[in-house]
Amino acid sequence: MSRTEEQFFTLLQSGLWGSPVDISLFSDDTDWPAILKIAVMQTVSGIVFDGISRLSSELQPLTTIMRQLYQTVIRIEQSHELLNERLTRIIPLLQSEDIYPILLKGQGVAQNYPNPVRRQCGDIDLYIGKKDYKRACELAVGRGIVSNDILESHKHFHFDWDGVEIEFHHIVEKLPDPFKNKRFQYWTQYHLQKNKLNVWNLNNTEVLLPSANFDALYIFNHAFHHFISDGIGCRQLCDWVMYLHRFHAQIDRQELMKDLKAFGLLRAWQIFGCIAVHQLGLTKEEFPFYTDKIREVSQKIILKDILLLGNFGRYDPKWKTRPPGYLSGKLHNFRMKNRRALKLFSIIGENVSLYYIYYLVIGIQQIVNDKFNKH
């Protein structure tokens, strides 16, 4: 890693764990714009800000840079307030119709951070399930909270509610291998039974959250899915790391090992585990099934990819070559995703090989849905 990347990670670790910053890495010639550019690409500016705040004033960035960074942090905190406010409205609305959604990732995962409002947030994902899915969608439309065109993918209905993206899931996720996917759907139903859920009290609203073994695997699988598709930033891995730290004593490791093997995720889990430990600061004791054997692959290939492409691969220069047309744009995306999948196959293995067919099928389904919804 470069010196700038080392500086970034020591600040990130300080923000995650409240630990002292290694001041030997910093001096008068610290390239703060370069460090903060990485933080933006990795969507962890708020956490890095907490790390910078632990430096002495003479080692911190210039006042103008700190002021700009603080404004970014304020916007992140305001986003949290907005999403939490929407949760306290949408969940009681659904519950009033005997629909009990389960919050996936997002604001629930943020509660595992030492300072939840410094985690950069995105949208609201609510698992509804197949039984109540149609009613939930009709309720959202009927109550007038859908403020854009209705969009639906193979796993969820999504809409904008006055600046907040909300997704109603009838399934949590879909695996590319049909046999593993069938098992995954049963696994999901088992873990998301009401008696296995956790509860987060948000301003007198009871928000249902998944169990420890479910989220330990699901948060990773969701990040891994995005990594294969386009790329991920450190924020997705921070979510996973903070969850493993918070719930390590509640995770049934024997069951987790069985599930990772069943879904073909063990090798990928251990590859990313090296980053979780060495770059993000999780202890080996709190990371299930750590191994040093694949650390070189993890550091030289996977970490390099994360730092280069950033959050959801948005900094990949190939996106700039996407043609403007709808179908030509979809075809361009498909080619990019499958080149990536083929490149990663030799590194990660079996779980990558089926993505070629998976992206083709999902892409065709999405085109049909989008065109149908327009008429």
Protein backbone atom coordinates (compact mmCIF):
# COMPACT_ATOMS: atom_id res chain seq x y z
CA MET A 1 0.00 0.00 0.00
CA SER A 2 1.03 3.58 -0.53
CA ARG A 3 1.67 5.93 2.39
CA THR A 4 -1.60 7.76 1.64
CA GLU A 5 -3.54 4.48 1.80
CA GLU A 6 -1.86 3.57 5.10
CA GLN A 7 -2.84 6.97 6.48
CA PHE A 8 -6.40 6.46 5.30
CA PHE A 9 -6.73 3.09 7.00
CA THR A 10 -5.26 4.22 10.33
CA LEU A 11 -7.78 7.09 10.38
CA LEU A 12 -10.60 4.73 9.43
CA GLN A 13 -9.65 2.29 12.19
CA SER A 14 -9.53 5.13 14.69
CA GLY A 15 -13.03 6.19 13.67
CA LEU A 16 -14.34 2.63 13.89
CA TRP A 17 -12.80 1.66 17.21
CA GLY A 18 -12.06 4.93 18.98
CA SER A 19 -8.39 3.97 19.00
CA PRO A 20 -5.41 6.37 18.86
CA VAL A 21 -4.07 7.31 15.42
CA ASP A 22 -0.54 6.20 14.51
CA ILE A 23 0.94 9.71 14.40
CA SER A 24 4.24 8.45 12.97
CA LEU A 25 2.44 8.28 9.60
CA PHE A 26 1.58 11.99 9.61
CA SER A 27 3.67 15.11 9.11
CA ASP A 28 3.50 18.64 7.69
CA ASP A 29 3.49 17.33 4.12
CA THR A 30 0.49 14.98 4.55
CA ASP A 31 -1.54 14.95 1.33
CA TRP A 32 -4.96 15.53 2.87
CA PRO A 33 -6.85 15.98 -0.42
CA ALA A 34 -5.62 12.52 -1.51
CA ILE A 35 -6.66 10.92 1.81
CA LEU A 36 -10.08 12.55 1.74
CA LYS A 37 -10.57 11.54 -1.89
CA ILE A 38 -10.17 7.90 -0.83
CA ALA A 39 -12.66 8.47 2.01
CA VAL A 40 -15.20 9.85 -0.48
CA MET A 41 -14.65 6.95 -2.91
CA GLN A 42 -15.10 4.46 -0.06
CA THR A 43 -18.11 6.37 1.42
CA VAL A 44 -16.56 6.56 4.89
CA SER A 45 -15.95 10.32 5.21
CA GLY A 46 -17.84 10.57 8.49
CA ILE A 47 -15.84 7.79 10.12
CA VAL A 48 -12.53 9.17 8.84
CA PHE A 49 -13.54 12.57 10.24
CA ASP A 50 -13.78 10.96 13.70
CA GLY A 51 -10.26 9.61 13.20
CA ILE A 52 -8.88 12.98 12.11
CA SER A 53 -10.48 14.56 15.18
CA ARG A 54 -8.14 12.45 17.34
CA LEU A 55 -5.06 14.01 15.78
CA SER A 56 -3.45 17.00 17.44
CA SER A 57 -4.35 20.32 15.77
CA GLU A 58 -0.91 20.72 14.18
CA LEU A 59 -1.31 17.39 12.36
CA GLN A 60 -4.88 17.98 11.20
CA PRO A 61 -5.74 19.41 7.75
CA LEU A 62 -5.96 23.15 7.14
CA THR A 63 -9.01 24.89 8.58
CA THR A 64 -10.57 25.30 5.13
CA ILE A 65 -10.33 21.55 4.49
CA MET A 66 -11.70 20.70 7.95
CA ARG A 67 -14.60 23.08 7.41
CA GLN A 68 -15.51 21.40 4.11
CA LEU A 69 -15.21 17.96 5.69
CA TYR A 70 -17.40 19.02 8.60
CA GLN A 71 -20.09 20.16 6.16
CA THR A 72 -19.99 16.69 4.61
CA VAL A 73 -20.40 15.15 8.07
CA ILE A 74 -23.40 17.40 8.78
CA ARG A 75 -25.06 16.21 5.57
CA ILE A 76 -24.44 12.57 6.55
CA GLU A 77 -26.03 13.18 9.96
CA GLN A 78 -29.01 14.90 8.34
CA SER A 79 -29.48 11.89 6.05
CA HIS A 80 -29.69 9.68 9.13
CA GLU A 81 -32.34 11.92 10.66
CA LEU A 82 -34.35 11.79 7.42
CA LEU A 83 -34.18 8.00 7.04
CA ASN A 84 -35.01 7.41 10.71
CA GLU A 85 -37.98 9.75 10.38
CA ARG A 86 -39.23 7.80 7.35
CA LEU A 87 -38.84 4.52 9.26
CA THR A 88 -41.00 5.83 12.10
CA ARG A 89 -43.73 6.58 9.55
CA ILE A 90 -43.59 3.67 7.11
CA ILE A 91 -43.29 0.88 9.69
CA PRO A 92 -46.36 1.88 11.80
CA LEU A 93 -48.31 2.34 8.56
CA LEU A 94 -47.52 -1.23 7.48
CA GLN A 95 -48.10 -2.60 10.97
CA SER A 96 -51.55 -0.97 11.07
CA GLU A 97 -52.45 -3.36 8.22
CA ASP A 98 -50.94 -6.39 10.01
CA ILE A 99 -47.82 -6.29 7.84
CA TYR A 100 -44.63 -6.61 9.89
CA PRO A 101 -41.57 -5.66 7.84
CA ILE A 102 -38.01 -6.58 8.78
CA LEU A 103 -35.33 -3.94 8.24
CA LEU A 104 -32.37 -5.20 6.22
CA LYS A 105 -28.93 -3.60 6.62
CA GLY A 106 -28.99 0.20 6.58
CA GLN A 107 -30.12 2.01 9.69
CA GLY A 108 -30.21 -1.19 11.71
CA VAL A 109 -26.59 -2.02 10.90
CA ALA A 110 -25.59 1.58 11.71
CA GLN A 111 -26.48 0.92 15.36
CA ASN A 112 -23.41 -1.32 15.62
CA TYR A 113 -21.06 1.63 15.04
CA PRO A 114 -19.72 3.67 17.99
CA ASN A 115 -21.25 6.75 16.35
CA PRO A 116 -24.14 5.51 14.14
CA VAL A 117 -24.85 8.87 12.49
CA ARG A 118 -21.32 9.00 11.04
CA ARG A 119 -22.01 5.95 8.86
CA GLN A 120 -22.99 7.13 5.39
CA CYS A 121 -26.49 5.87 4.74
CA GLY A 122 -28.34 5.06 1.53
CA ASP A 123 -31.86 3.67 1.22
CA ILE A 124 -34.37 1.72 3.31
CA ASP A 125 -34.72 -2.01 2.59
CA LEU A 126 -37.75 -3.70 4.16
CA TYR A 127 -38.33 -7.44 3.88
CA ILE A 128 -42.08 -7.99 3.50
CA GLY A 129 -42.21 -11.59 2.31
CA LYS A 130 -44.31 -13.09 -0.47
CA LYS A 131 -47.53 -13.33 1.55
CA ASP A 132 -47.93 -9.60 2.24
CA TYR A 133 -45.83 -8.19 -0.60
CA LYS A 134 -48.69 -7.21 -2.93
CA ARG A 135 -50.68 -5.63 -0.11
CA ALA A 136 -47.67 -3.59 1.02
CA CYS A 137 -47.07 -2.28 -2.50
CA GLU A 138 -50.73 -1.39 -2.95
CA LEU A 139 -50.75 0.34 0.42
CA ALA A 140 -47.75 2.52 -0.51
CA VAL A 141 -49.38 3.53 -3.78
CA GLY A 142 -52.82 3.98 -2.22
CA ARG A 143 -51.53 6.26 0.54
CA GLY A 144 -49.76 8.46 -1.99
CA ILE A 145 -46.23 8.01 -0.61
CA VAL A 146 -44.82 6.86 -3.95
CA SER A 147 -43.37 10.01 -5.49
CA ASN A 148 -41.95 8.62 -8.73
CA ASP A 149 -42.63 5.93 -11.34
CA ILE A 150 -43.18 2.51 -9.83
CA LEU A 151 -40.21 0.22 -10.46
CA GLU A 152 -39.94 -3.47 -9.72
CA SER A 153 -37.04 -5.89 -9.96
CA HIS A 154 -36.82 -9.65 -9.53
CA LYS A 155 -36.66 -9.25 -5.76
CA HIS A 156 -38.26 -5.95 -4.75
CA PHE A 157 -40.61 -3.05 -5.45
CA HIS A 158 -38.82 0.27 -5.11
CA PHE A 159 -39.90 3.87 -5.04
CA ASP A 160 -38.89 7.34 -3.93
CA TRP A 161 -40.67 8.91 -0.98
CA ASP A 162 -39.79 12.60 -0.99
CA GLY A 163 -36.06 12.05 -1.40
CA VAL A 164 -35.73 8.67 0.34
CA GLU A 165 -35.38 5.48 -1.69
CA ILE A 166 -37.43 2.62 -0.23
CA GLU A 167 -37.47 -1.03 -1.27
CA PHE A 168 -40.13 -3.62 -0.36
CA HIS A 169 -38.58 -7.09 -0.70
CA HIS A 170 -40.62 -10.20 -1.40
CA ILE A 171 -37.33 -12.12 -1.27
CA VAL A 172 -34.17 -11.02 0.52
CA GLU A 173 -31.70 -12.08 -2.17
CA LYS A 174 -31.33 -14.46 -5.07
CA LEU A 175 -28.25 -16.61 -5.61
CA PRO A 176 -27.07 -17.34 -9.17
CA ASP A 177 -26.92 -21.11 -8.61
CA PRO A 178 -30.55 -22.38 -8.72
CA PHE A 179 -29.82 -25.25 -6.34
CA LYS A 180 -28.05 -23.05 -3.81
CA ASN A 181 -30.75 -20.42 -4.27
CA LYS A 182 -33.51 -22.89 -3.37
CA ARG A 183 -31.64 -23.73 -0.18
CA PHE A 184 -31.01 -20.03 0.49
CA GLN A 185 -34.73 -19.24 0.30
CA TYR A 186 -35.50 -21.95 2.89
CA TRP A 187 -32.64 -20.65 5.03
CA THR A 188 -34.07 -17.13 4.83
CA GLN A 189 -37.54 -18.27 5.87
CA TYR A 190 -36.09 -20.19 8.80
CA HIS A 191 -34.06 -17.28 10.18
CA LEU A 192 -36.67 -14.57 9.62
CA GLN A 193 -39.36 -16.20 11.72
CA LYS A 194 -40.77 -13.72 14.21
CA ASN A 195 -39.52 -15.58 17.29
CA LYS A 196 -35.89 -15.37 16.05
CA LEU A 197 -35.81 -11.62 15.36
CA ASN A 198 -34.17 -8.78 17.26
CA VAL A 199 -35.91 -5.49 18.02
CA TRP A 200 -34.52 -1.97 17.76
CA ASN A 201 -36.54 0.73 19.52
CA LEU A 202 -36.39 3.82 17.30
CA ASN A 203 -38.22 6.76 18.87
CA ASN A 204 -40.95 4.46 20.26
CA THR A 205 -41.21 2.52 16.99
CA GLU A 206 -40.33 -1.17 17.22
CA VAL A 207 -38.11 -2.00 14.24
CA LEU A 208 -37.63 -5.72 13.59
CA LEU A 209 -34.08 -6.81 12.75
CA PRO A 210 -32.71 -10.22 11.64
CA SER A 211 -30.98 -12.69 13.95
CA ALA A 212 -27.21 -12.76 14.47
CA ASN A 213 -26.45 -15.79 12.28
CA PHE A 214 -28.62 -14.46 9.49
CA ASP A 215 -27.02 -11.02 9.33
CA ALA A 216 -23.45 -12.27 9.77
CA LEU A 217 -23.81 -14.21 6.51
CA TYR A 218 -26.32 -11.96 4.71
CA ILE A 219 -24.39 -8.70 5.15
CA PHE A 220 -21.32 -10.41 3.71
CA ASN A 221 -23.22 -12.10 0.88
CA HIS A 222 -24.84 -8.82 -0.11
CA ALA A 223 -21.46 -7.08 -0.23
CA PHE A 224 -19.92 -10.02 -2.11
CA HIS A 225 -22.73 -9.96 -4.67
CA HIS A 226 -22.03 -6.27 -5.36
CA PHE A 227 -18.28 -6.92 -5.46
CA ILE A 228 -18.68 -9.52 -8.21
CA SER A 229 -21.13 -7.32 -10.10
CA ASP A 230 -19.46 -3.90 -10.00
CA GLY A 231 -17.24 -3.50 -6.93
CA ILE A 232 -17.67 -2.32 -3.35
CA GLY A 233 -16.29 0.33 -1.05
CA CYS A 234 -14.98 -0.03 2.48
CA ARG A 235 -18.35 1.01 3.92
CA GLN A 236 -19.90 -2.37 3.03
CA LEU A 237 -17.01 -4.19 4.71
CA CYS A 238 -17.18 -1.86 7.72
CA ASP A 239 -20.85 -2.84 8.15
CA TRP A 240 -19.82 -6.50 8.19
CA VAL A 241 -16.88 -5.91 10.54
CA MET A 242 -18.89 -3.91 13.06
CA TYR A 243 -21.63 -6.55 13.02
CA LEU A 244 -19.17 -9.38 13.68
CA HIS A 245 -17.64 -7.34 16.49
CA ARG A 246 -20.98 -6.54 18.12
CA PHE A 247 -22.50 -10.04 17.84
CA HIS A 248 -19.48 -12.34 17.82
CA ALA A 249 -20.56 -14.01 21.07
CA GLN A 250 -24.07 -14.69 19.72
CA ILE A 251 -23.01 -16.22 16.39
CA ASP A 252 -23.21 -20.01 16.25
CA ARG A 253 -19.93 -20.74 14.45
CA GLN A 254 -20.69 -24.37 13.73
CA GLU A 255 -23.93 -23.37 12.02
CA LEU A 256 -22.20 -20.51 10.20
CA MET A 257 -19.51 -22.82 8.83
CA LYS A 258 -22.19 -25.23 7.57
CA ASP A 259 -24.04 -22.38 5.84
CA LEU A 260 -20.93 -20.84 4.26
CA LYS A 261 -20.02 -24.21 2.76
CA ALA A 262 -23.59 -24.84 1.61
CA PHE A 263 -23.70 -21.53 -0.28
CA GLY A 264 -20.15 -21.77 -1.61
CA LEU A 265 -19.04 -18.67 0.29
CA LEU A 266 -16.28 -19.94 2.58
CA ARG A 267 -13.30 -19.07 0.37
CA ALA A 268 -14.64 -15.58 -0.38
CA TRP A 269 -15.44 -15.09 3.33
CA GLN A 270 -11.84 -15.87 4.27
CA ILE A 271 -10.36 -13.71 1.48
CA PHE A 272 -12.32 -10.67 2.62
CA GLY A 273 -11.60 -11.63 6.22
CA CYS A 274 -7.96 -10.70 5.71
CA ILE A 275 -9.06 -7.16 4.86
CA ALA A 276 -11.44 -7.14 7.83
CA VAL A 277 -8.55 -7.97 10.15
CA HIS A 278 -5.53 -6.23 8.65
CA GLN A 279 -7.07 -3.07 7.18
CA LEU A 280 -10.22 -2.56 9.27
CA GLY A 281 -8.91 -3.71 12.63
CA LEU A 282 -11.23 -6.58 13.62
CA THR A 283 -9.44 -9.04 15.89
CA LYS A 284 -8.75 -12.54 14.59
CA GLU A 285 -10.63 -13.89 17.62
CA GLU A 286 -13.79 -12.06 16.57
CA PHE A 287 -13.53 -13.09 12.92
CA PRO A 288 -14.82 -16.65 12.39
CA PHE A 289 -12.52 -18.94 10.38
CA TYR A 290 -9.64 -16.54 9.79
CA THR A 291 -6.71 -17.89 7.77
CA ASP A 292 -3.46 -16.28 6.64
CA LYS A 293 -3.09 -18.66 3.71
CA ILE A 294 -4.86 -16.40 1.21
CA ARG A 295 -3.70 -13.08 2.60
CA GLU A 296 -1.53 -12.31 -0.45
CA VAL A 297 -4.48 -12.70 -2.85
CA SER A 298 -6.63 -10.62 -0.54
CA GLN A 299 -4.14 -7.76 -0.33
CA LYS A 300 -2.73 -7.66 -3.85
CA ILE A 301 -5.91 -8.24 -5.86
CA ILE A 302 -9.10 -7.74 -3.84
CA LEU A 303 -7.96 -4.77 -1.72
CA LYS A 304 -6.42 -3.14 -4.80
CA ASP A 305 -9.74 -3.51 -6.62
CA ILE A 306 -11.67 -1.93 -3.74
CA LEU A 307 -9.32 1.04 -3.53
CA LEU A 308 -9.26 1.56 -7.28
CA LEU A 309 -12.98 1.30 -8.11
CA GLY A 310 -14.59 2.60 -4.91
CA ASN A 311 -18.19 2.28 -3.74
CA PHE A 312 -20.21 0.01 -6.08
CA GLY A 313 -17.43 0.39 -8.67
CA ARG A 314 -18.57 3.94 -9.48
CA TYR A 315 -15.01 5.12 -10.12
CA ASP A 316 -14.33 2.51 -12.79
CA PRO A 317 -13.38 4.59 -15.87
CA LYS A 318 -15.23 2.09 -18.08
CA TRP A 319 -18.55 3.54 -16.89
CA LYS A 320 -17.69 6.72 -18.82
CA THR A 321 -17.88 4.77 -22.08
CA ARG A 322 -21.50 3.68 -21.51
CA PRO A 323 -23.62 4.66 -24.54
CA PRO A 324 -26.67 6.87 -23.90
CA GLY A 325 -29.40 4.57 -25.28
CA TYR A 326 -31.41 2.35 -22.89
CA LEU A 327 -30.79 -1.01 -24.58
CA SER A 328 -27.24 -0.17 -25.68
CA GLY A 329 -26.53 0.97 -22.09
CA LYS A 330 -27.89 -2.29 -20.69
CA LEU A 331 -25.73 -4.29 -23.11
CA HIS A 332 -22.65 -2.26 -22.11
CA ASN A 333 -23.34 -2.97 -18.42
CA PHE A 334 -23.79 -6.67 -19.13
CA ARG A 335 -20.45 -6.86 -20.93
CA MET A 336 -18.69 -5.05 -18.09
CA LYS A 337 -20.20 -7.26 -15.39
CA ASN A 338 -19.28 -10.46 -17.18
CA ARG A 339 -15.73 -9.39 -17.95
CA ARG A 340 -15.39 -8.74 -14.25
CA ALA A 341 -16.91 -12.09 -13.30
CA LEU A 342 -14.58 -13.96 -15.65
CA LYS A 343 -11.57 -12.06 -14.28
CA LEU A 344 -12.46 -12.95 -10.69
CA PHE A 345 -13.30 -16.61 -11.35
CA SER A 346 -9.74 -17.88 -10.94
CA ILE A 347 -9.39 -15.99 -7.64
CA ILE A 348 -12.66 -16.65 -5.84
CA GLY A 349 -13.89 -19.80 -7.57
CA GLU A 350 -17.21 -21.55 -7.93
CA ASN A 351 -19.58 -18.76 -6.89
CA VAL A 352 -18.42 -16.54 -9.74
CA SER A 353 -18.90 -18.93 -12.67
CA LEU A 354 -22.70 -18.76 -12.81
CA TYR A 355 -22.88 -14.98 -12.76
CA TYR A 356 -22.50 -14.85 -16.55
CA ILE A 357 -25.88 -16.57 -17.09
CA TYR A 358 -27.37 -14.89 -14.02
CA TYR A 359 -26.71 -11.36 -15.28
CA LEU A 360 -28.11 -12.24 -18.69
CA VAL A 361 -31.37 -13.61 -17.26
CA ILE A 362 -31.82 -10.82 -14.71
CA GLY A 363 -30.98 -8.18 -17.32
CA ILE A 364 -33.62 -9.51 -19.74
CA GLN A 365 -36.20 -9.64 -16.94
CA GLN A 366 -35.42 -6.05 -15.96
CA ILE A 367 -35.75 -4.81 -19.53
CA VAL A 368 -39.14 -6.50 -19.86
CA ASN A 369 -40.30 -5.05 -16.51
CA ASP A 370 -39.07 -1.54 -17.33
CA LYS A 371 -40.67 -1.53 -20.77
CA PHE A 372 -43.92 -2.98 -19.44
CA ASN A 373 -44.15 -0.40 -16.65
CA LYS A 374 -43.74 2.42 -19.11
CA HIS A 375 -46.94 1.54 -20.97
